[in-house]
Amino acid sequence: MSDIAYVNGAFTPLVEARISILDRGFLFGDGVYEVAAVIDGKLVDNEAHIARLERSLRELRLDSPVPISRIVEIERELVARNGVAEGMVYLQVTRGAADRDFAFPEGVTPTLVAFAQKKNILASPAARTGVKVVTVPDMRWARRDIKSVALLAQVLAKQAAVEAGCQEAWMVDADGFVTEGSSSTAFIITKAGAIVTRPNSREILPGCTRRSVLALAEQDGLTIEERGFTVAEACEAAEAFLTSASNLVLPIVAIDGRSIGAGVPGDHATRLRAIYLDFARATSV
């Protein structure tokens, strides 16, 4: 974890960072967040993350306490102050601190906190070995397209993955279709070589890495199918992989204990990770 955090206008040692116990993010999960990867000391795909942050704020009728351009400056300063060459920056905006009442409080300044975290992204062992996935029922609320801090269902899903000896959980709707991972976007690659992922809607988070990977895959001549897929179809796929800001592109080698393809990272997923890394380095700021 970083040594310096940002809390409501000030950079402060992380051990001294504080918010009120009446903050609505703490009491109600009334807030949104974003995570941007850092490679070579620069923010990756950050324009997309900031755009998604603005959308999430609008959907919750939440104001940013600072101009959006200032948020980018804060992110960069956290990277510099903490010497993060590789890792991520987390930021969170809540409706602020007020007496506990469900309705929106009036005249309250929103809370903005952020911190940086070092993480091995480029040489991640999981990129070489692939990761395992377990499926769980999707128990989340109906506005999954908002990057809300209310993540209890995702926490339970991730814990189920840990207890199953897996690195990720795929959440499955009542009709048996995969929605997304607990902290990632879910993909399969058919035996015909098509990349399949669920289309954006209120049922999934519009992944920033997802968007870039799909654009890069199309440029690389791959076929894209934005549609739902079942767990059964995923288990019969040639390959599977996930995308997220903190993991970029990771091959999936098993679902619910069943090997995908040969049970090792597939060629398409491996190449997509490589071309995304090239893109990330070329466009980071």
C-alpha atoms as a PDB file:
ATOM      1  CA  MET A   1       0.000   0.000   0.000  1.00  0.00           C
ATOM      2  CA  SER A   2       1.116   3.577  -0.588  1.00  0.00           C
ATOM      3  CA  ASP A   3       2.433   5.878   2.128  1.00  0.00           C
ATOM      4  CA  ILE A   4       0.525   8.977   1.000  1.00  0.00           C
ATOM      5  CA  ALA A   5      -3.232   9.230   0.425  1.00  0.00           C
ATOM      6  CA  TYR A   6      -5.539  12.040  -0.608  1.00  0.00           C
ATOM      7  CA  VAL A   7      -8.503  12.975   1.586  1.00  0.00           C
ATOM      8  CA  ASN A   8     -10.801  15.908   0.881  1.00  0.00           C
ATOM      9  CA  GLY A   9      -8.294  18.387  -0.438  1.00  0.00           C
ATOM     10  CA  ALA A  10      -5.128  17.276   1.316  1.00  0.00           C
ATOM     11  CA  PHE A  11      -2.350  14.764   0.760  1.00  0.00           C
ATOM     12  CA  THR A  12      -1.719  12.985   4.030  1.00  0.00           C
ATOM     13  CA  PRO A  13       0.172   9.953   5.377  1.00  0.00           C
ATOM     14  CA  LEU A  14      -2.028   6.919   4.871  1.00  0.00           C
ATOM     15  CA  VAL A  15      -1.898   6.017   8.564  1.00  0.00           C
ATOM     16  CA  GLU A  16      -3.390   9.427   9.373  1.00  0.00           C
ATOM     17  CA  ALA A  17      -6.085   9.407   6.666  1.00  0.00           C
ATOM     18  CA  ARG A  18      -9.570   9.756   8.182  1.00  0.00           C
ATOM     19  CA  ILE A  19     -13.192  10.286   7.154  1.00  0.00           C
ATOM     20  CA  SER A  20     -16.276  10.757   9.330  1.00  0.00           C
ATOM     21  CA  ILE A  21     -18.191   7.716  10.585  1.00  0.00           C
ATOM     22  CA  LEU A  22     -21.245   9.582   9.272  1.00  0.00           C
ATOM     23  CA  ASP A  23     -19.940   9.479   5.713  1.00  0.00           C
ATOM     24  CA  ARG A  24     -22.703   8.109   3.473  1.00  0.00           C
ATOM     25  CA  GLY A  25     -20.254   5.854   1.672  1.00  0.00           C
ATOM     26  CA  PHE A  26     -19.646   4.117   4.990  1.00  0.00           C
ATOM     27  CA  LEU A  27     -23.279   4.104   6.135  1.00  0.00           C
ATOM     28  CA  PHE A  28     -25.142   3.444   2.868  1.00  0.00           C
ATOM     29  CA  GLY A  29     -22.612   2.577   0.161  1.00  0.00           C
ATOM     30  CA  ASP A  30     -23.748   5.900  -1.330  1.00  0.00           C
ATOM     31  CA  GLY A  31     -20.829   6.563  -3.646  1.00  0.00           C
ATOM     32  CA  VAL A  32     -18.845   5.516  -6.679  1.00  0.00           C
ATOM     33  CA  TYR A  33     -15.254   4.578  -7.380  1.00  0.00           C
ATOM     34  CA  GLU A  34     -12.708   4.024 -10.127  1.00  0.00           C
ATOM     35  CA  VAL A  35      -9.441   2.119 -10.446  1.00  0.00           C
ATOM     36  CA  ALA A  36      -6.803   2.924 -13.053  1.00  0.00           C
ATOM     37  CA  ALA A  37      -3.724   0.836 -13.749  1.00  0.00           C
ATOM     38  CA  VAL A  38      -0.253   2.351 -13.609  1.00  0.00           C
ATOM     39  CA  ILE A  39       2.494   1.123 -15.933  1.00  0.00           C
ATOM     40  CA  ASP A  40       5.903   2.798 -16.192  1.00  0.00           C
ATOM     41  CA  GLY A  41       4.628   5.422 -13.752  1.00  0.00           C
ATOM     42  CA  LYS A  42       1.788   6.452 -16.086  1.00  0.00           C
ATOM     43  CA  LEU A  43      -1.989   6.035 -15.966  1.00  0.00           C
ATOM     44  CA  VAL A  44      -3.400   3.446 -18.385  1.00  0.00           C
ATOM     45  CA  ASP A  45      -6.646   4.013 -20.322  1.00  0.00           C
ATOM     46  CA  ASN A  46      -7.441   6.798 -17.872  1.00  0.00           C
ATOM     47  CA  GLU A  47      -9.588   8.866 -20.197  1.00  0.00           C
ATOM     48  CA  ALA A  48     -12.081   5.987 -20.296  1.00  0.00           C
ATOM     49  CA  HIS A  49     -11.997   5.608 -16.514  1.00  0.00           C
ATOM     50  CA  ILE A  50     -12.644   9.302 -15.969  1.00  0.00           C
ATOM     51  CA  ALA A  51     -15.518   9.236 -18.471  1.00  0.00           C
ATOM     52  CA  ARG A  52     -17.040   6.272 -16.620  1.00  0.00           C
ATOM     53  CA  LEU A  53     -16.592   8.087 -13.304  1.00  0.00           C
ATOM     54  CA  GLU A  54     -18.493  11.084 -14.662  1.00  0.00           C
ATOM     55  CA  ARG A  55     -21.283   8.799 -15.877  1.00  0.00           C
ATOM     56  CA  SER A  56     -21.528   7.012 -12.520  1.00  0.00           C
ATOM     57  CA  LEU A  57     -21.712  10.372 -10.733  1.00  0.00           C
ATOM     58  CA  ARG A  58     -24.515  11.533 -13.028  1.00  0.00           C
ATOM     59  CA  GLU A  59     -26.493   8.321 -12.542  1.00  0.00           C
ATOM     60  CA  LEU A  60     -26.388   8.734  -8.760  1.00  0.00           C
ATOM     61  CA  ARG A  61     -26.983  12.515  -8.967  1.00  0.00           C
ATOM     62  CA  LEU A  62     -23.678  13.019  -7.211  1.00  0.00           C
ATOM     63  CA  ASP A  63     -21.394  16.026  -7.663  1.00  0.00           C
ATOM     64  CA  SER A  64     -17.627  15.832  -7.698  1.00  0.00           C
ATOM     65  CA  PRO A  65     -16.156  18.086  -4.978  1.00  0.00           C
ATOM     66  CA  VAL A  66     -13.395  19.145  -7.393  1.00  0.00           C
ATOM     67  CA  PRO A  67     -13.250  19.672 -11.166  1.00  0.00           C
ATOM     68  CA  ILE A  68     -12.716  16.425 -13.055  1.00  0.00           C
ATOM     69  CA  SER A  69      -9.411  17.765 -14.418  1.00  0.00           C
ATOM     70  CA  ARG A  70      -8.222  18.121 -10.820  1.00  0.00           C
ATOM     71  CA  ILE A  71      -8.969  14.439 -10.181  1.00  0.00           C
ATOM     72  CA  VAL A  72      -6.471  13.488 -12.892  1.00  0.00           C
ATOM     73  CA  GLU A  73      -3.891  15.780 -11.297  1.00  0.00           C
ATOM     74  CA  ILE A  74      -4.501  14.105  -7.920  1.00  0.00           C
ATOM     75  CA  GLU A  75      -4.022  10.661  -9.460  1.00  0.00           C
ATOM     76  CA  ARG A  76      -0.739  11.671 -11.054  1.00  0.00           C
ATOM     77  CA  GLU A  77       0.498  13.282  -7.876  1.00  0.00           C
ATOM     78  CA  LEU A  78      -0.278  10.148  -5.875  1.00  0.00           C
ATOM     79  CA  VAL A  79       1.696   8.083  -8.382  1.00  0.00           C
ATOM     80  CA  ALA A  80       4.658  10.467  -8.075  1.00  0.00           C
ATOM     81  CA  ARG A  81       4.557  10.911  -4.290  1.00  0.00           C
ATOM     82  CA  ASN A  82       4.392   7.153  -3.723  1.00  0.00           C
ATOM     83  CA  GLY A  83       6.912   6.199  -6.401  1.00  0.00           C
ATOM     84  CA  VAL A  84       4.489   3.806  -8.111  1.00  0.00           C
ATOM     85  CA  ALA A  85       6.082   2.514 -11.300  1.00  0.00           C
ATOM     86  CA  GLU A  86       3.577  -0.327 -11.614  1.00  0.00           C
ATOM     87  CA  GLY A  87       0.258  -0.780  -9.845  1.00  0.00           C
ATOM     88  CA  MET A  88      -2.967   1.173  -9.595  1.00  0.00           C
ATOM     89  CA  VAL A  89      -4.707   4.288  -8.314  1.00  0.00           C
ATOM     90  CA  TYR A  90      -8.027   3.985  -6.486  1.00  0.00           C
ATOM     91  CA  LEU A  91     -10.403   6.930  -6.045  1.00  0.00           C
ATOM     92  CA  GLN A  92     -13.814   7.181  -4.411  1.00  0.00           C
ATOM     93  CA  VAL A  93     -16.490   9.869  -4.314  1.00  0.00           C
ATOM     94  CA  THR A  94     -19.348   9.667  -1.793  1.00  0.00           C
ATOM     95  CA  ARG A  95     -22.250  11.988  -1.041  1.00  0.00           C
ATOM     96  CA  GLY A  96     -20.425  13.200   2.073  1.00  0.00           C
ATOM     97  CA  ALA A  97     -21.025  13.180   5.808  1.00  0.00           C
ATOM     98  CA  ALA A  98     -24.409  14.070   7.338  1.00  0.00           C
ATOM     99  CA  ASP A  99     -26.816  12.885  10.006  1.00  0.00           C
ATOM    100  CA  ARG A 100     -27.981   9.387   9.130  1.00  0.00           C
ATOM    101  CA  ASP A 101     -31.074   9.638   6.946  1.00  0.00           C
ATOM    102  CA  PHE A 102     -31.848   7.767   3.743  1.00  0.00           C
ATOM    103  CA  ALA A 103     -32.815  10.857   1.714  1.00  0.00           C
ATOM    104  CA  PHE A 104     -30.112  12.981   0.093  1.00  0.00           C
ATOM    105  CA  PRO A 105     -28.789  15.569   2.582  1.00  0.00           C
ATOM    106  CA  GLU A 106     -28.754  19.222   1.554  1.00  0.00           C
ATOM    107  CA  GLY A 107     -25.718  21.491   1.626  1.00  0.00           C
ATOM    108  CA  VAL A 108     -23.217  18.673   2.154  1.00  0.00           C
ATOM    109  CA  THR A 109     -19.852  18.586   0.392  1.00  0.00           C
ATOM    110  CA  PRO A 110     -19.089  15.210  -1.242  1.00  0.00           C
ATOM    111  CA  THR A 111     -16.130  13.206   0.021  1.00  0.00           C
ATOM    112  CA  LEU A 112     -13.183  12.456  -2.280  1.00  0.00           C
ATOM    113  CA  VAL A 113     -10.497   9.986  -1.228  1.00  0.00           C
ATOM    114  CA  ALA A 114      -7.759   8.349  -3.275  1.00  0.00           C
ATOM    115  CA  PHE A 115      -4.665   6.220  -2.810  1.00  0.00           C
ATOM    116  CA  ALA A 116      -2.054   4.426  -4.892  1.00  0.00           C
ATOM    117  CA  GLN A 117      -1.020   0.803  -4.640  1.00  0.00           C
ATOM    118  CA  LYS A 118       2.002  -1.024  -6.035  1.00  0.00           C
ATOM    119  CA  LYS A 119       1.251  -4.283  -7.847  1.00  0.00           C
ATOM    120  CA  ASN A 120       3.105  -6.610 -10.198  1.00  0.00           C
ATOM    121  CA  ILE A 121       1.035  -6.313 -13.377  1.00  0.00           C
ATOM    122  CA  LEU A 122       3.392  -6.843 -16.294  1.00  0.00           C
ATOM    123  CA  ALA A 123       5.095  -9.989 -15.031  1.00  0.00           C
ATOM    124  CA  SER A 124       2.057 -11.381 -13.226  1.00  0.00           C
ATOM    125  CA  PRO A 125       2.486 -15.150 -12.687  1.00  0.00           C
ATOM    126  CA  ALA A 126      -1.236 -15.551 -13.458  1.00  0.00           C
ATOM    127  CA  ALA A 127      -0.622 -14.368 -17.014  1.00  0.00           C
ATOM    128  CA  ARG A 128       1.731 -17.327 -17.556  1.00  0.00           C
ATOM    129  CA  THR A 129      -0.300 -20.007 -15.779  1.00  0.00           C
ATOM    130  CA  GLY A 130      -3.834 -18.755 -16.358  1.00  0.00           C
ATOM    131  CA  VAL A 131      -6.477 -18.476 -13.640  1.00  0.00           C
ATOM    132  CA  LYS A 132      -9.316 -20.662 -12.433  1.00  0.00           C
ATOM    133  CA  VAL A 133     -12.913 -19.521 -12.125  1.00  0.00           C
ATOM    134  CA  VAL A 134     -15.861 -20.716 -10.038  1.00  0.00           C
ATOM    135  CA  THR A 135     -19.449 -19.770 -10.893  1.00  0.00           C
ATOM    136  CA  VAL A 136     -21.868 -18.261  -8.380  1.00  0.00           C
ATOM    137  CA  PRO A 137     -25.435 -16.856  -8.585  1.00  0.00           C
ATOM    138  CA  ASP A 138     -25.565 -13.156  -9.451  1.00  0.00           C
ATOM    139  CA  MET A 139     -27.237 -11.524  -6.434  1.00  0.00           C
ATOM    140  CA  ARG A 140     -26.536  -7.866  -7.217  1.00  0.00           C
ATOM    141  CA  TRP A 141     -28.894  -4.923  -7.601  1.00  0.00           C
ATOM    142  CA  ALA A 142     -30.384  -3.898 -10.948  1.00  0.00           C
ATOM    143  CA  ARG A 143     -27.982  -1.031 -11.771  1.00  0.00           C
ATOM    144  CA  ARG A 144     -24.750  -2.915 -12.247  1.00  0.00           C
ATOM    145  CA  ASP A 145     -23.651  -0.392 -14.882  1.00  0.00           C
ATOM    146  CA  ILE A 146     -22.912   2.126 -12.097  1.00  0.00           C
ATOM    147  CA  LYS A 147     -19.524   1.584 -10.476  1.00  0.00           C
ATOM    148  CA  SER A 148     -20.972   1.800  -6.991  1.00  0.00           C
ATOM    149  CA  VAL A 149     -19.003   1.227  -3.793  1.00  0.00           C
ATOM    150  CA  ALA A 150     -21.773  -1.161  -2.662  1.00  0.00           C
ATOM    151  CA  LEU A 151     -19.846  -4.356  -3.392  1.00  0.00           C
ATOM    152  CA  LEU A 152     -21.085  -6.899  -0.845  1.00  0.00           C
ATOM    153  CA  ALA A 153     -22.280  -9.384  -3.494  1.00  0.00           C
ATOM    154  CA  GLN A 154     -18.901  -9.141  -5.212  1.00  0.00           C
ATOM    155  CA  VAL A 155     -17.106  -9.656  -1.900  1.00  0.00           C
ATOM    156  CA  LEU A 156     -19.106 -12.845  -1.286  1.00  0.00           C
ATOM    157  CA  ALA A 157     -18.427 -14.014  -4.834  1.00  0.00           C
ATOM    158  CA  LYS A 158     -14.686 -13.391  -4.495  1.00  0.00           C
ATOM    159  CA  GLN A 159     -14.626 -15.227  -1.168  1.00  0.00           C
ATOM    160  CA  ALA A 160     -16.374 -18.194  -2.801  1.00  0.00           C
ATOM    161  CA  ALA A 161     -13.606 -18.189  -5.410  1.00  0.00           C
ATOM    162  CA  VAL A 162     -10.896 -18.154  -2.744  1.00  0.00           C
ATOM    163  CA  GLU A 163     -12.521 -21.012  -0.859  1.00  0.00           C
ATOM    164  CA  ALA A 164     -12.738 -23.009  -4.106  1.00  0.00           C
ATOM    165  CA  GLY A 165      -9.031 -22.466  -4.811  1.00  0.00           C
ATOM    166  CA  CYS A 166      -9.827 -20.087  -7.681  1.00  0.00           C
ATOM    167  CA  GLN A 167      -8.764 -16.558  -8.542  1.00  0.00           C
ATOM    168  CA  GLU A 168     -12.114 -15.237  -9.794  1.00  0.00           C
ATOM    169  CA  ALA A 169     -15.857 -15.897  -9.670  1.00  0.00           C
ATOM    170  CA  TRP A 170     -18.185 -15.598 -12.646  1.00  0.00           C
ATOM    171  CA  MET A 171     -21.658 -14.452 -11.663  1.00  0.00           C
ATOM    172  CA  VAL A 172     -24.550 -16.206 -13.375  1.00  0.00           C
ATOM    173  CA  ASP A 173     -28.104 -14.913 -13.831  1.00  0.00           C
ATOM    174  CA  ALA A 174     -31.299 -16.877 -13.215  1.00  0.00           C
ATOM    175  CA  ASP A 175     -31.380 -18.066 -16.837  1.00  0.00           C
ATOM    176  CA  GLY A 176     -27.906 -19.614 -16.624  1.00  0.00           C
ATOM    177  CA  PHE A 177     -26.067 -16.869 -18.542  1.00  0.00           C
ATOM    178  CA  VAL A 178     -22.791 -15.449 -17.305  1.00  0.00           C
ATOM    179  CA  THR A 179     -23.038 -11.737 -16.511  1.00  0.00           C
ATOM    180  CA  GLU A 180     -19.455 -10.875 -15.500  1.00  0.00           C
ATOM    181  CA  GLY A 181     -16.735 -11.602 -12.995  1.00  0.00           C
ATOM    182  CA  SER A 182     -16.781 -10.319  -9.440  1.00  0.00           C
ATOM    183  CA  SER A 183     -14.151  -7.744 -10.473  1.00  0.00           C
ATOM    184  CA  SER A 184     -13.687  -8.358 -14.188  1.00  0.00           C
ATOM    185  CA  THR A 185     -15.343  -8.768 -17.577  1.00  0.00           C
ATOM    186  CA  ALA A 186     -15.925 -12.338 -18.800  1.00  0.00           C
ATOM    187  CA  PHE A 187     -15.004 -13.567 -22.297  1.00  0.00           C
ATOM    188  CA  ILE A 188     -14.934 -16.853 -24.171  1.00  0.00           C
ATOM    189  CA  ILE A 189     -13.436 -17.711 -27.550  1.00  0.00           C
ATOM    190  CA  THR A 190     -15.399 -20.205 -29.605  1.00  0.00           C
ATOM    191  CA  LYS A 191     -13.841 -23.070 -31.503  1.00  0.00           C
ATOM    192  CA  ALA A 192     -14.505 -21.006 -34.648  1.00  0.00           C
ATOM    193  CA  GLY A 193     -12.281 -18.262 -33.212  1.00  0.00           C
ATOM    194  CA  ALA A 194     -14.948 -15.681 -32.300  1.00  0.00           C
ATOM    195  CA  ILE A 195     -14.607 -13.608 -29.139  1.00  0.00           C
ATOM    196  CA  VAL A 196     -17.871 -13.616 -27.189  1.00  0.00           C
ATOM    197  CA  THR A 197     -18.797 -11.266 -24.356  1.00  0.00           C
ATOM    198  CA  ARG A 198     -22.058  -9.954 -22.977  1.00  0.00           C
ATOM    199  CA  PRO A 199     -23.165  -6.606 -24.474  1.00  0.00           C
ATOM    200  CA  ASN A 200     -23.175  -3.499 -22.292  1.00  0.00           C
ATOM    201  CA  SER A 201     -26.445  -2.868 -20.485  1.00  0.00           C
ATOM    202  CA  ARG A 202     -27.622  -2.161 -16.959  1.00  0.00           C
ATOM    203  CA  GLU A 203     -26.790  -5.793 -16.165  1.00  0.00           C
ATOM    204  CA  ILE A 204     -22.999  -5.369 -16.326  1.00  0.00           C
ATOM    205  CA  LEU A 205     -20.354  -2.750 -15.695  1.00  0.00           C
ATOM    206  CA  PRO A 206     -19.083  -1.200 -18.953  1.00  0.00           C
ATOM    207  CA  GLY A 207     -15.453  -2.253 -18.597  1.00  0.00           C
ATOM    208  CA  CYS A 208     -12.809   0.204 -19.775  1.00  0.00           C
ATOM    209  CA  THR A 209     -10.293  -2.549 -20.466  1.00  0.00           C
ATOM    210  CA  ARG A 210     -13.097  -4.521 -22.137  1.00  0.00           C
ATOM    211  CA  ARG A 211     -13.729  -1.673 -24.561  1.00  0.00           C
ATOM    212  CA  SER A 212     -10.078  -1.310 -25.540  1.00  0.00           C
ATOM    213  CA  VAL A 213      -9.502  -5.059 -25.871  1.00  0.00           C
ATOM    214  CA  LEU A 214     -12.517  -5.434 -28.166  1.00  0.00           C
ATOM    215  CA  ALA A 215     -11.276  -2.590 -30.366  1.00  0.00           C
ATOM    216  CA  LEU A 216      -7.782  -4.099 -30.520  1.00  0.00           C
ATOM    217  CA  ALA A 217      -9.163  -7.568 -31.267  1.00  0.00           C
ATOM    218  CA  GLU A 218     -11.206  -6.201 -34.151  1.00  0.00           C
ATOM    219  CA  GLN A 219      -8.146  -4.413 -35.534  1.00  0.00           C
ATOM    220  CA  ASP A 220      -6.321  -7.730 -35.286  1.00  0.00           C
ATOM    221  CA  GLY A 221      -8.928  -9.353 -37.518  1.00  0.00           C
ATOM    222  CA  LEU A 222     -10.814 -11.312 -34.867  1.00  0.00           C
ATOM    223  CA  THR A 223     -14.593 -11.747 -34.971  1.00  0.00           C
ATOM    224  CA  ILE A 224     -16.534 -10.143 -32.102  1.00  0.00           C
ATOM    225  CA  GLU A 225     -19.903 -11.430 -30.890  1.00  0.00           C
ATOM    226  CA  GLU A 226     -21.540  -9.300 -28.209  1.00  0.00           C
ATOM    227  CA  ARG A 227     -24.139 -11.688 -26.782  1.00  0.00           C
ATOM    228  CA  GLY A 228     -24.835 -13.719 -23.721  1.00  0.00           C
ATOM    229  CA  PHE A 229     -23.290 -17.128 -23.162  1.00  0.00           C
ATOM    230  CA  THR A 230     -24.066 -19.871 -20.680  1.00  0.00           C
ATOM    231  CA  VAL A 231     -21.742 -21.669 -18.318  1.00  0.00           C
ATOM    232  CA  ALA A 232     -22.211 -24.795 -20.444  1.00  0.00           C
ATOM    233  CA  GLU A 233     -21.080 -22.959 -23.581  1.00  0.00           C
ATOM    234  CA  ALA A 234     -18.103 -21.508 -21.721  1.00  0.00           C
ATOM    235  CA  CYS A 235     -16.988 -24.955 -20.608  1.00  0.00           C
ATOM    236  CA  GLU A 236     -17.021 -26.128 -24.247  1.00  0.00           C
ATOM    237  CA  ALA A 237     -15.162 -23.050 -25.537  1.00  0.00           C
ATOM    238  CA  ALA A 238     -11.702 -23.146 -27.041  1.00  0.00           C
ATOM    239  CA  GLU A 239     -10.496 -20.445 -24.654  1.00  0.00           C
ATOM    240  CA  ALA A 240     -11.718 -18.082 -21.968  1.00  0.00           C
ATOM    241  CA  PHE A 241     -10.239 -14.963 -20.460  1.00  0.00           C
ATOM    242  CA  LEU A 242     -11.021 -11.958 -18.293  1.00  0.00           C
ATOM    243  CA  THR A 243     -10.185  -8.279 -18.442  1.00  0.00           C
ATOM    244  CA  SER A 244      -9.899  -5.644 -15.722  1.00  0.00           C
ATOM    245  CA  ALA A 245      -7.880  -2.520 -15.017  1.00  0.00           C
ATOM    246  CA  SER A 246      -5.763  -4.202 -12.366  1.00  0.00           C
ATOM    247  CA  ASN A 247      -5.158  -7.454 -14.279  1.00  0.00           C
ATOM    248  CA  LEU A 248      -5.343  -6.266 -17.907  1.00  0.00           C
ATOM    249  CA  VAL A 249      -5.974  -9.552 -19.786  1.00  0.00           C
ATOM    250  CA  LEU A 250      -5.724 -12.913 -18.018  1.00  0.00           C
ATOM    251  CA  PRO A 251      -6.328 -16.339 -19.603  1.00  0.00           C
ATOM    252  CA  ILE A 252      -8.799 -18.640 -17.826  1.00  0.00           C
ATOM    253  CA  VAL A 253      -7.818 -22.299 -17.775  1.00  0.00           C
ATOM    254  CA  ALA A 254     -10.652 -23.868 -15.728  1.00  0.00           C
ATOM    255  CA  ILE A 255     -14.289 -23.168 -14.839  1.00  0.00           C
ATOM    256  CA  ASP A 256     -15.877 -25.019 -11.923  1.00  0.00           C
ATOM    257  CA  GLY A 257     -13.008 -27.492 -11.993  1.00  0.00           C
ATOM    258  CA  ARG A 258     -13.371 -28.232 -15.691  1.00  0.00           C
ATOM    259  CA  SER A 259     -10.416 -27.489 -17.963  1.00  0.00           C
ATOM    260  CA  ILE A 260     -10.973 -25.026 -20.785  1.00  0.00           C
ATOM    261  CA  GLY A 261      -9.373 -26.148 -24.027  1.00  0.00           C
ATOM    262  CA  ALA A 262      -6.052 -27.764 -23.204  1.00  0.00           C
ATOM    263  CA  GLY A 263      -6.125 -26.367 -19.677  1.00  0.00           C
ATOM    264  CA  VAL A 264      -3.355 -23.879 -20.394  1.00  0.00           C
ATOM    265  CA  PRO A 265      -3.414 -20.224 -21.569  1.00  0.00           C
ATOM    266  CA  GLY A 266      -4.678 -20.127 -25.145  1.00  0.00           C
ATOM    267  CA  ASP A 267      -2.988 -18.448 -28.091  1.00  0.00           C
ATOM    268  CA  HIS A 268      -5.676 -15.827 -28.634  1.00  0.00           C
ATOM    269  CA  ALA A 269      -5.811 -14.717 -25.002  1.00  0.00           C
ATOM    270  CA  THR A 270      -2.028 -14.610 -24.808  1.00  0.00           C
ATOM    271  CA  ARG A 271      -1.833 -12.462 -27.931  1.00  0.00           C
ATOM    272  CA  LEU A 272      -4.596 -10.147 -26.734  1.00  0.00           C
ATOM    273  CA  ARG A 273      -2.678  -9.544 -23.518  1.00  0.00           C
ATOM    274  CA  ALA A 274       0.451  -8.720 -25.523  1.00  0.00           C
ATOM    275  CA  ILE A 275      -1.252  -6.272 -27.871  1.00  0.00           C
ATOM    276  CA  TYR A 276      -3.111  -4.636 -24.991  1.00  0.00           C
ATOM    277  CA  LEU A 277       0.194  -4.117 -23.178  1.00  0.00           C
ATOM    278  CA  ASP A 278       1.585  -2.455 -26.301  1.00  0.00           C
ATOM    279  CA  PHE A 279      -1.514  -0.241 -26.448  1.00  0.00           C
ATOM    280  CA  ALA A 280      -1.307   0.581 -22.738  1.00  0.00           C
ATOM    281  CA  ARG A 281       2.301   1.690 -22.947  1.00  0.00           C
ATOM    282  CA  ALA A 282       1.731   3.688 -26.116  1.00  0.00           C
ATOM    283  CA  THR A 283      -1.281   5.596 -24.771  1.00  0.00           C
ATOM    284  CA  SER A 284      -0.610   5.937 -21.007  1.00  0.00           C
ATOM    285  CA  VAL A 285      -0.331   9.451 -19.607  1.00  0.00           C
END
